[in-house]
Amino acid sequence: MQTSGFKSFLAKYYLFLAWIVAIVATGGSLYLSDVLKFEPCKLCWFQRIFMYPQVILLGIAAYRSDRRIVGYVLPLSIVGGLIALYHYAEQHIPALARVTPCTTGVPCNQDYFELLGFITIPFMALVAFALIALLLWRGGRAYDEVAEAELAYDEE
């Protein structure tokens, strides 16, 4: 039994693709703060804490084809994604601004920019965390399915 082209591609490159997402997210956050001078709020810093290590971890794992990294990186993406989800909700639900951890400095509910009426910096972070988590979860499953299909094909 042959596997689909997309599944084979995903099985082969999911660590690399997740690494690219982490690089783009990290580069984007550095561009926003260092070039455009958008000062990050406290929740933005927490999201960075969960994203930045993934660049190094996924880069090493992609280079070594080390699938064991998923157990270490997936929790970083899930927790970072939950923080981004809360941050996004805080920007769109005014009542959440009263229970924010941003009591000093830049307010967490401030929108530096909004594209298409809903895309904000926390939304982009949420998408990046979700993409990494999805790639790691589905890529690992595709890898197992492709390996199983190749083993069954070899036995025939």
C-alpha atoms as a PDB file:
ATOM      1  CA  MET A   1       0.000   0.000   0.000  1.00  0.00           C
ATOM      2  CA  GLN A   2       1.395   3.359  -1.031  1.00  0.00           C
ATOM      3  CA  THR A   3       0.908   6.515   1.030  1.00  0.00           C
ATOM      4  CA  SER A   4      -0.206   9.886  -0.321  1.00  0.00           C
ATOM      5  CA  GLY A   5       2.348  12.421  -1.473  1.00  0.00           C
ATOM      6  CA  PHE A   6       1.330  14.981   1.134  1.00  0.00           C
ATOM      7  CA  LYS A   7       1.521  12.472   3.968  1.00  0.00           C
ATOM      8  CA  SER A   8       4.994  11.395   2.858  1.00  0.00           C
ATOM      9  CA  PHE A   9       6.088  15.031   2.585  1.00  0.00           C
ATOM     10  CA  LEU A  10       4.705  15.825   6.040  1.00  0.00           C
ATOM     11  CA  ALA A  11       6.303  12.720   7.540  1.00  0.00           C
ATOM     12  CA  LYS A  12       9.670  13.702   6.121  1.00  0.00           C
ATOM     13  CA  TYR A  13       9.676  17.447   6.786  1.00  0.00           C
ATOM     14  CA  TYR A  14       7.388  18.162   9.765  1.00  0.00           C
ATOM     15  CA  LEU A  15      10.247  19.049  12.125  1.00  0.00           C
ATOM     16  CA  PHE A  16      11.761  21.357   9.511  1.00  0.00           C
ATOM     17  CA  LEU A  17       8.391  23.021   8.816  1.00  0.00           C
ATOM     18  CA  ALA A  18       7.745  23.555  12.543  1.00  0.00           C
ATOM     19  CA  TRP A  19      11.237  25.059  12.832  1.00  0.00           C
ATOM     20  CA  ILE A  20      10.491  27.480   9.971  1.00  0.00           C
ATOM     21  CA  VAL A  21       7.274  28.590  11.712  1.00  0.00           C
ATOM     22  CA  ALA A  22       9.237  29.206  14.940  1.00  0.00           C
ATOM     23  CA  ILE A  23      11.883  31.211  13.030  1.00  0.00           C
ATOM     24  CA  VAL A  24       9.255  33.378  11.318  1.00  0.00           C
ATOM     25  CA  ALA A  25       7.409  33.985  14.616  1.00  0.00           C
ATOM     26  CA  THR A  26      10.615  34.867  16.448  1.00  0.00           C
ATOM     27  CA  GLY A  27      11.844  37.076  13.620  1.00  0.00           C
ATOM     28  CA  GLY A  28       8.464  38.784  13.435  1.00  0.00           C
ATOM     29  CA  SER A  29       8.403  39.546  17.142  1.00  0.00           C
ATOM     30  CA  LEU A  30      11.937  40.934  17.025  1.00  0.00           C
ATOM     31  CA  TYR A  31      11.051  43.039  13.983  1.00  0.00           C
ATOM     32  CA  LEU A  32       7.994  44.470  15.719  1.00  0.00           C
ATOM     33  CA  SER A  33       9.902  45.393  18.862  1.00  0.00           C
ATOM     34  CA  ASP A  34      13.357  46.310  17.541  1.00  0.00           C
ATOM     35  CA  VAL A  35      12.561  47.858  14.155  1.00  0.00           C
ATOM     36  CA  LEU A  36       9.023  49.198  14.531  1.00  0.00           C
ATOM     37  CA  LYS A  37       9.668  50.008  18.228  1.00  0.00           C
ATOM     38  CA  PHE A  38       6.478  48.355  19.534  1.00  0.00           C
ATOM     39  CA  GLU A  39       7.186  47.803  23.205  1.00  0.00           C
ATOM     40  CA  PRO A  40       6.069  44.306  24.257  1.00  0.00           C
ATOM     41  CA  CYS A  41       3.653  43.965  27.156  1.00  0.00           C
ATOM     42  CA  LYS A  42       3.992  41.367  29.904  1.00  0.00           C
ATOM     43  CA  LEU A  43       1.883  38.768  28.070  1.00  0.00           C
ATOM     44  CA  CYS A  44       3.961  39.299  24.924  1.00  0.00           C
ATOM     45  CA  TRP A  45       7.079  38.535  26.951  1.00  0.00           C
ATOM     46  CA  PHE A  46       5.540  35.308  28.245  1.00  0.00           C
ATOM     47  CA  GLN A  47       4.696  34.280  24.681  1.00  0.00           C
ATOM     48  CA  ARG A  48       8.268  34.999  23.644  1.00  0.00           C
ATOM     49  CA  ILE A  49       9.547  32.854  26.509  1.00  0.00           C
ATOM     50  CA  PHE A  50       7.629  29.909  25.064  1.00  0.00           C
ATOM     51  CA  MET A  51       8.479  30.606  21.384  1.00  0.00           C
ATOM     52  CA  TYR A  52      12.162  31.519  21.343  1.00  0.00           C
ATOM     53  CA  PRO A  53      13.547  28.198  22.680  1.00  0.00           C
ATOM     54  CA  GLN A  54      11.610  26.357  19.998  1.00  0.00           C
ATOM     55  CA  VAL A  55      13.850  27.887  17.316  1.00  0.00           C
ATOM     56  CA  ILE A  56      16.890  26.200  18.845  1.00  0.00           C
ATOM     57  CA  LEU A  57      15.191  22.953  19.887  1.00  0.00           C
ATOM     58  CA  LEU A  58      13.390  22.401  16.585  1.00  0.00           C
ATOM     59  CA  GLY A  59      16.465  23.429  14.593  1.00  0.00           C
ATOM     60  CA  ILE A  60      18.617  20.821  16.300  1.00  0.00           C
ATOM     61  CA  ALA A  61      15.852  18.213  16.052  1.00  0.00           C
ATOM     62  CA  ALA A  62      15.299  18.912  12.338  1.00  0.00           C
ATOM     63  CA  TYR A  63      19.027  18.668  11.648  1.00  0.00           C
ATOM     64  CA  ARG A  64      19.303  15.365  13.526  1.00  0.00           C
ATOM     65  CA  SER A  65      15.859  14.069  12.495  1.00  0.00           C
ATOM     66  CA  ASP A  66      15.213  13.565  16.201  1.00  0.00           C
ATOM     67  CA  ARG A  67      11.502  12.893  16.623  1.00  0.00           C
ATOM     68  CA  ARG A  68      11.864  12.617  20.406  1.00  0.00           C
ATOM     69  CA  ILE A  69      11.828  16.425  20.651  1.00  0.00           C
ATOM     70  CA  VAL A  70       8.053  16.453  20.154  1.00  0.00           C
ATOM     71  CA  GLY A  71       7.473  15.544  23.803  1.00  0.00           C
ATOM     72  CA  TYR A  72       9.490  18.569  24.873  1.00  0.00           C
ATOM     73  CA  VAL A  73       8.372  21.167  22.346  1.00  0.00           C
ATOM     74  CA  LEU A  74       4.667  20.355  22.162  1.00  0.00           C
ATOM     75  CA  PRO A  75       4.029  21.546  25.762  1.00  0.00           C
ATOM     76  CA  LEU A  76       5.838  24.807  24.977  1.00  0.00           C
ATOM     77  CA  SER A  77       3.503  25.374  22.020  1.00  0.00           C
ATOM     78  CA  ILE A  78       0.380  24.477  23.968  1.00  0.00           C
ATOM     79  CA  VAL A  79       1.160  26.732  26.939  1.00  0.00           C
ATOM     80  CA  GLY A  80       2.344  29.560  24.684  1.00  0.00           C
ATOM     81  CA  GLY A  81      -0.804  29.176  22.613  1.00  0.00           C
ATOM     82  CA  LEU A  82      -3.006  29.384  25.703  1.00  0.00           C
ATOM     83  CA  ILE A  83      -1.251  32.582  26.758  1.00  0.00           C
ATOM     84  CA  ALA A  84      -1.726  34.014  23.248  1.00  0.00           C
ATOM     85  CA  LEU A  85      -5.393  32.997  23.285  1.00  0.00           C
ATOM     86  CA  TYR A  86      -5.918  34.764  26.614  1.00  0.00           C
ATOM     87  CA  HIS A  87      -4.051  37.824  25.319  1.00  0.00           C
ATOM     88  CA  TYR A  88      -6.186  37.930  22.175  1.00  0.00           C
ATOM     89  CA  ALA A  89      -9.358  37.560  24.242  1.00  0.00           C
ATOM     90  CA  GLU A  90      -8.210  40.373  26.506  1.00  0.00           C
ATOM     91  CA  GLN A  91      -7.900  42.688  23.516  1.00  0.00           C
ATOM     92  CA  HIS A  92     -11.455  41.934  22.396  1.00  0.00           C
ATOM     93  CA  ILE A  93     -13.290  41.461  25.715  1.00  0.00           C
ATOM     94  CA  PRO A  94     -13.034  44.686  27.758  1.00  0.00           C
ATOM     95  CA  ALA A  95     -13.953  42.968  31.044  1.00  0.00           C
ATOM     96  CA  LEU A  96     -10.750  40.912  30.912  1.00  0.00           C
ATOM     97  CA  ALA A  97      -8.617  44.063  31.000  1.00  0.00           C
ATOM     98  CA  ARG A  98      -9.446  44.420  34.721  1.00  0.00           C
ATOM     99  CA  VAL A  99      -7.889  41.044  35.607  1.00  0.00           C
ATOM    100  CA  THR A 100      -4.814  41.463  33.473  1.00  0.00           C
ATOM    101  CA  PRO A 101      -1.274  40.756  34.640  1.00  0.00           C
ATOM    102  CA  CYS A 102      -0.276  44.022  32.917  1.00  0.00           C
ATOM    103  CA  THR A 103      -0.653  46.387  35.848  1.00  0.00           C
ATOM    104  CA  THR A 104       2.438  48.433  34.985  1.00  0.00           C
ATOM    105  CA  GLY A 105       4.070  49.372  31.714  1.00  0.00           C
ATOM    106  CA  VAL A 106       2.427  48.708  28.358  1.00  0.00           C
ATOM    107  CA  PRO A 107      -1.218  47.663  28.700  1.00  0.00           C
ATOM    108  CA  CYS A 108      -1.878  44.159  27.359  1.00  0.00           C
ATOM    109  CA  ASN A 109      -5.191  45.131  25.813  1.00  0.00           C
ATOM    110  CA  GLN A 110      -3.602  47.772  23.557  1.00  0.00           C
ATOM    111  CA  ASP A 111      -3.670  47.025  19.812  1.00  0.00           C
ATOM    112  CA  TYR A 112      -0.570  48.266  18.003  1.00  0.00           C
ATOM    113  CA  PHE A 113      -2.209  47.311  14.767  1.00  0.00           C
ATOM    114  CA  GLU A 114      -5.190  45.357  13.563  1.00  0.00           C
ATOM    115  CA  LEU A 115      -5.487  43.866  10.096  1.00  0.00           C
ATOM    116  CA  LEU A 116      -8.835  42.852   8.565  1.00  0.00           C
ATOM    117  CA  GLY A 117     -10.544  43.682  11.835  1.00  0.00           C
ATOM    118  CA  PHE A 118      -9.267  40.660  13.765  1.00  0.00           C
ATOM    119  CA  ILE A 119      -5.583  39.949  13.077  1.00  0.00           C
ATOM    120  CA  THR A 120      -3.483  41.348  15.926  1.00  0.00           C
ATOM    121  CA  ILE A 121      -0.046  40.488  17.311  1.00  0.00           C
ATOM    122  CA  PRO A 122      -1.444  37.951  19.833  1.00  0.00           C
ATOM    123  CA  PHE A 123      -3.550  36.395  17.061  1.00  0.00           C
ATOM    124  CA  MET A 124      -0.429  35.901  14.928  1.00  0.00           C
ATOM    125  CA  ALA A 125       1.338  34.334  17.914  1.00  0.00           C
ATOM    126  CA  LEU A 126      -1.639  32.045  18.497  1.00  0.00           C
ATOM    127  CA  VAL A 127      -1.553  30.927  14.855  1.00  0.00           C
ATOM    128  CA  ALA A 128       2.198  30.231  15.080  1.00  0.00           C
ATOM    129  CA  PHE A 129       1.842  28.176  18.267  1.00  0.00           C
ATOM    130  CA  ALA A 130      -1.117  26.285  16.798  1.00  0.00           C
ATOM    131  CA  LEU A 131       0.749  25.590  13.539  1.00  0.00           C
ATOM    132  CA  ILE A 132       3.766  24.240  15.390  1.00  0.00           C
ATOM    133  CA  ALA A 133       1.577  22.053  17.614  1.00  0.00           C
ATOM    134  CA  LEU A 134      -0.402  20.799  14.615  1.00  0.00           C
ATOM    135  CA  LEU A 135       2.728  20.048  12.602  1.00  0.00           C
ATOM    136  CA  LEU A 136       4.302  18.157  15.484  1.00  0.00           C
ATOM    137  CA  TRP A 137       1.160  16.189  16.282  1.00  0.00           C
ATOM    138  CA  ARG A 138       0.079  15.390  12.725  1.00  0.00           C
ATOM    139  CA  GLY A 139       3.629  15.073  11.391  1.00  0.00           C
ATOM    140  CA  GLY A 140       4.498  12.497  14.015  1.00  0.00           C
ATOM    141  CA  ARG A 141       1.380  10.494  13.162  1.00  0.00           C
ATOM    142  CA  ALA A 142       2.151  10.733   9.431  1.00  0.00           C
ATOM    143  CA  TYR A 143       5.681   9.529  10.093  1.00  0.00           C
ATOM    144  CA  ASP A 144       4.350   6.482  11.943  1.00  0.00           C
ATOM    145  CA  GLU A 145       1.771   5.748   9.230  1.00  0.00           C
ATOM    146  CA  VAL A 146       4.316   6.039   6.418  1.00  0.00           C
ATOM    147  CA  ALA A 147       6.795   3.828   8.272  1.00  0.00           C
ATOM    148  CA  GLU A 148       4.064   1.249   8.888  1.00  0.00           C
ATOM    149  CA  ALA A 149       2.939   1.344   5.238  1.00  0.00           C
ATOM    150  CA  GLU A 150       6.527   0.927   4.012  1.00  0.00           C
ATOM    151  CA  LEU A 151       7.050  -2.003   6.361  1.00  0.00           C
ATOM    152  CA  ALA A 152       3.841  -3.670   5.145  1.00  0.00           C
ATOM    153  CA  TYR A 153       4.873  -3.014   1.525  1.00  0.00           C
ATOM    154  CA  ASP A 154       8.300  -4.582   2.111  1.00  0.00           C
ATOM    155  CA  GLU A 155       6.729  -7.696   3.614  1.00  0.00           C
ATOM    156  CA  GLU A 156       4.632  -8.321   0.476  1.00  0.00           C
END
